[in-house]
């Protein structure tokens, strides 16, 4: 009976815990790719003409330049955006994985 309980606990721990580093890496790649693809999609799509007659490429995505230094809606900006997205996604994913594992560990002790 004790051996069965021990095996169940090992299985619960193996399934319940997340690998925070892998989660961070995956979220980093995903967020970086979303920014990269969105920026290049707008470049392929072409500029919009505003009411004043100016050509604007991605006015909403251009707002990322307020947070990401060096970012603009251009191909080089999409690479910079990928790097920022990767960094933020990696940090966020690792933090989420670490926090999740702490909560599982606390609940497992109860």
C-alpha atoms as a PDB file:
ATOM      1  CA  UNK A   1       0.000   0.000   0.000  1.00  0.00           C
ATOM      2  CA  UNK A   2       2.827   2.409   0.840  1.00  0.00           C
ATOM      3  CA  UNK A   3       4.588   1.666  -2.425  1.00  0.00           C
ATOM      4  CA  UNK A   4       1.427   2.448  -4.419  1.00  0.00           C
ATOM      5  CA  UNK A   5       1.040   5.774  -2.617  1.00  0.00           C
ATOM      6  CA  UNK A   6       4.679   6.634  -3.343  1.00  0.00           C
ATOM      7  CA  UNK A   7       4.254   5.798  -7.021  1.00  0.00           C
ATOM      8  CA  UNK A   8       1.125   7.961  -7.198  1.00  0.00           C
ATOM      9  CA  UNK A   9       2.961  10.889  -5.604  1.00  0.00           C
ATOM     10  CA  UNK A  10       5.834  10.551  -8.062  1.00  0.00           C
ATOM     11  CA  UNK A  11       3.394  10.490 -10.955  1.00  0.00           C
ATOM     12  CA  UNK A  12       1.540  13.532  -9.611  1.00  0.00           C
ATOM     13  CA  UNK A  13       4.776  15.461  -9.235  1.00  0.00           C
ATOM     14  CA  UNK A  14       5.970  14.524 -12.719  1.00  0.00           C
ATOM     15  CA  UNK A  15       2.687  15.543 -14.316  1.00  0.00           C
ATOM     16  CA  UNK A  16       1.835  18.561 -12.177  1.00  0.00           C
ATOM     17  CA  UNK A  17       5.132  20.426 -12.384  1.00  0.00           C
ATOM     18  CA  UNK A  18       6.051  22.505 -15.440  1.00  0.00           C
ATOM     19  CA  UNK A  19       9.521  23.022 -16.769  1.00  0.00           C
ATOM     20  CA  UNK A  20       9.760  26.797 -16.351  1.00  0.00           C
ATOM     21  CA  UNK A  21      12.725  27.136 -18.725  1.00  0.00           C
ATOM     22  CA  UNK A  22      10.960  25.309 -21.560  1.00  0.00           C
ATOM     23  CA  UNK A  23       7.748  27.276 -21.005  1.00  0.00           C
ATOM     24  CA  UNK A  24       9.762  30.498 -21.117  1.00  0.00           C
ATOM     25  CA  UNK A  25      11.513  29.459 -24.307  1.00  0.00           C
ATOM     26  CA  UNK A  26       8.262  28.493 -26.042  1.00  0.00           C
ATOM     27  CA  UNK A  27       6.445  31.692 -25.027  1.00  0.00           C
ATOM     28  CA  UNK A  28       9.473  33.747 -26.052  1.00  0.00           C
ATOM     29  CA  UNK A  29       9.583  32.204 -29.509  1.00  0.00           C
ATOM     30  CA  UNK A  30       5.812  32.579 -29.947  1.00  0.00           C
ATOM     31  CA  UNK A  31       5.680  36.233 -28.897  1.00  0.00           C
ATOM     32  CA  UNK A  32       8.741  37.072 -30.972  1.00  0.00           C
ATOM     33  CA  UNK A  33       7.267  35.387 -34.038  1.00  0.00           C
ATOM     34  CA  UNK A  34       3.907  37.131 -33.582  1.00  0.00           C
ATOM     35  CA  UNK A  35       5.589  40.549 -33.622  1.00  0.00           C
ATOM     36  CA  UNK A  36       7.879  39.573 -36.508  1.00  0.00           C
ATOM     37  CA  UNK A  37       5.056  38.177 -38.658  1.00  0.00           C
ATOM     38  CA  UNK A  38       2.635  41.025 -37.855  1.00  0.00           C
ATOM     39  CA  UNK A  39       5.214  43.647 -38.792  1.00  0.00           C
ATOM     40  CA  UNK A  40       6.166  41.951 -42.051  1.00  0.00           C
ATOM     41  CA  UNK A  41       2.506  41.307 -42.898  1.00  0.00           C
ATOM     42  CA  UNK A  42       1.852  45.042 -42.678  1.00  0.00           C
ATOM     43  CA  UNK A  43       4.865  45.733 -44.882  1.00  0.00           C
ATOM     44  CA  UNK A  44       3.642  43.281 -47.527  1.00  0.00           C
ATOM     45  CA  UNK A  45       0.100  44.633 -47.294  1.00  0.00           C
ATOM     46  CA  UNK A  46       1.333  48.142 -48.015  1.00  0.00           C
ATOM     47  CA  UNK A  47       0.584  51.577 -46.593  1.00  0.00           C
ATOM     48  CA  UNK A  48      -2.828  53.018 -45.769  1.00  0.00           C
ATOM     49  CA  UNK A  49      -3.778  56.514 -46.856  1.00  0.00           C
ATOM     50  CA  UNK A  50      -4.901  58.751 -43.994  1.00  0.00           C
ATOM     51  CA  UNK A  51      -7.514  61.510 -44.221  1.00  0.00           C
ATOM     52  CA  UNK A  52      -4.765  64.091 -44.724  1.00  0.00           C
ATOM     53  CA  UNK A  53      -3.380  62.106 -47.671  1.00  0.00           C
ATOM     54  CA  UNK A  54      -0.303  60.756 -45.869  1.00  0.00           C
ATOM     55  CA  UNK A  55       0.701  57.135 -46.278  1.00  0.00           C
ATOM     56  CA  UNK A  56       0.832  55.289 -42.980  1.00  0.00           C
ATOM     57  CA  UNK A  57       2.090  51.740 -42.428  1.00  0.00           C
ATOM     58  CA  UNK A  58       0.670  50.065 -39.325  1.00  0.00           C
ATOM     59  CA  UNK A  59      -0.265  52.958 -37.045  1.00  0.00           C
ATOM     60  CA  UNK A  60      -1.329  50.637 -34.230  1.00  0.00           C
ATOM     61  CA  UNK A  61       1.752  48.447 -34.386  1.00  0.00           C
ATOM     62  CA  UNK A  62       3.892  51.590 -34.544  1.00  0.00           C
ATOM     63  CA  UNK A  63       2.844  52.239 -30.942  1.00  0.00           C
ATOM     64  CA  UNK A  64       5.222  49.445 -29.882  1.00  0.00           C
ATOM     65  CA  UNK A  65       8.043  51.936 -30.472  1.00  0.00           C
ATOM     66  CA  UNK A  66       6.909  53.643 -27.256  1.00  0.00           C
ATOM     67  CA  UNK A  67       7.999  50.528 -25.340  1.00  0.00           C
ATOM     68  CA  UNK A  68      10.585  48.894 -27.597  1.00  0.00           C
ATOM     69  CA  UNK A  69      13.508  51.247 -28.238  1.00  0.00           C
ATOM     70  CA  UNK A  70      14.562  51.052 -31.883  1.00  0.00           C
ATOM     71  CA  UNK A  71      11.388  49.374 -33.115  1.00  0.00           C
ATOM     72  CA  UNK A  72       9.574  50.690 -36.191  1.00  0.00           C
ATOM     73  CA  UNK A  73       7.365  49.127 -38.812  1.00  0.00           C
ATOM     74  CA  UNK A  74      10.147  48.012 -41.156  1.00  0.00           C
ATOM     75  CA  UNK A  75      12.040  44.807 -41.797  1.00  0.00           C
ATOM     76  CA  UNK A  76      14.861  45.789 -39.438  1.00  0.00           C
ATOM     77  CA  UNK A  77      12.195  46.816 -36.918  1.00  0.00           C
ATOM     78  CA  UNK A  78      10.607  43.384 -37.186  1.00  0.00           C
ATOM     79  CA  UNK A  79      13.918  41.797 -36.179  1.00  0.00           C
ATOM     80  CA  UNK A  80      14.229  44.197 -33.237  1.00  0.00           C
ATOM     81  CA  UNK A  81      10.606  43.441 -32.334  1.00  0.00           C
ATOM     82  CA  UNK A  82      11.332  39.709 -32.466  1.00  0.00           C
ATOM     83  CA  UNK A  83      14.201  40.148 -30.018  1.00  0.00           C
ATOM     84  CA  UNK A  84      12.091  42.225 -27.624  1.00  0.00           C
ATOM     85  CA  UNK A  85       9.192  39.784 -27.924  1.00  0.00           C
ATOM     86  CA  UNK A  86      11.512  36.851 -27.310  1.00  0.00           C
ATOM     87  CA  UNK A  87      12.968  38.506 -24.213  1.00  0.00           C
ATOM     88  CA  UNK A  88       9.595  39.474 -22.746  1.00  0.00           C
ATOM     89  CA  UNK A  89       8.039  36.107 -23.574  1.00  0.00           C
ATOM     90  CA  UNK A  90      10.951  34.192 -22.074  1.00  0.00           C
ATOM     91  CA  UNK A  91      10.893  36.179 -18.850  1.00  0.00           C
ATOM     92  CA  UNK A  92       7.096  35.985 -18.592  1.00  0.00           C
ATOM     93  CA  UNK A  93       6.945  32.268 -19.366  1.00  0.00           C
ATOM     94  CA  UNK A  94       9.666  31.452 -16.863  1.00  0.00           C
ATOM     95  CA  UNK A  95       7.923  33.517 -14.213  1.00  0.00           C
ATOM     96  CA  UNK A  96       4.574  31.841 -14.920  1.00  0.00           C
ATOM     97  CA  UNK A  97       6.173  28.371 -14.777  1.00  0.00           C
ATOM     98  CA  UNK A  98       8.023  29.167 -11.554  1.00  0.00           C
ATOM     99  CA  UNK A  99       4.893  30.585  -9.921  1.00  0.00           C
ATOM    100  CA  UNK A 100       2.788  27.625 -11.063  1.00  0.00           C
ATOM    101  CA  UNK A 101       5.317  25.158  -9.647  1.00  0.00           C
ATOM    102  CA  UNK A 102       5.371  27.015  -6.318  1.00  0.00           C
ATOM    103  CA  UNK A 103       1.578  26.855  -6.079  1.00  0.00           C
ATOM    104  CA  UNK A 104       1.551  23.132  -6.935  1.00  0.00           C
ATOM    105  CA  UNK A 105       4.254  22.532  -4.336  1.00  0.00           C
ATOM    106  CA  UNK A 106       2.281  24.402  -1.660  1.00  0.00           C
ATOM    107  CA  UNK A 107      -0.946  22.577  -2.500  1.00  0.00           C
ATOM    108  CA  UNK A 108       0.854  19.235  -2.564  1.00  0.00           C
ATOM    109  CA  UNK A 109       2.093  19.772   1.003  1.00  0.00           C
ATOM    110  CA  UNK A 110      -1.452  20.384   2.270  1.00  0.00           C
END
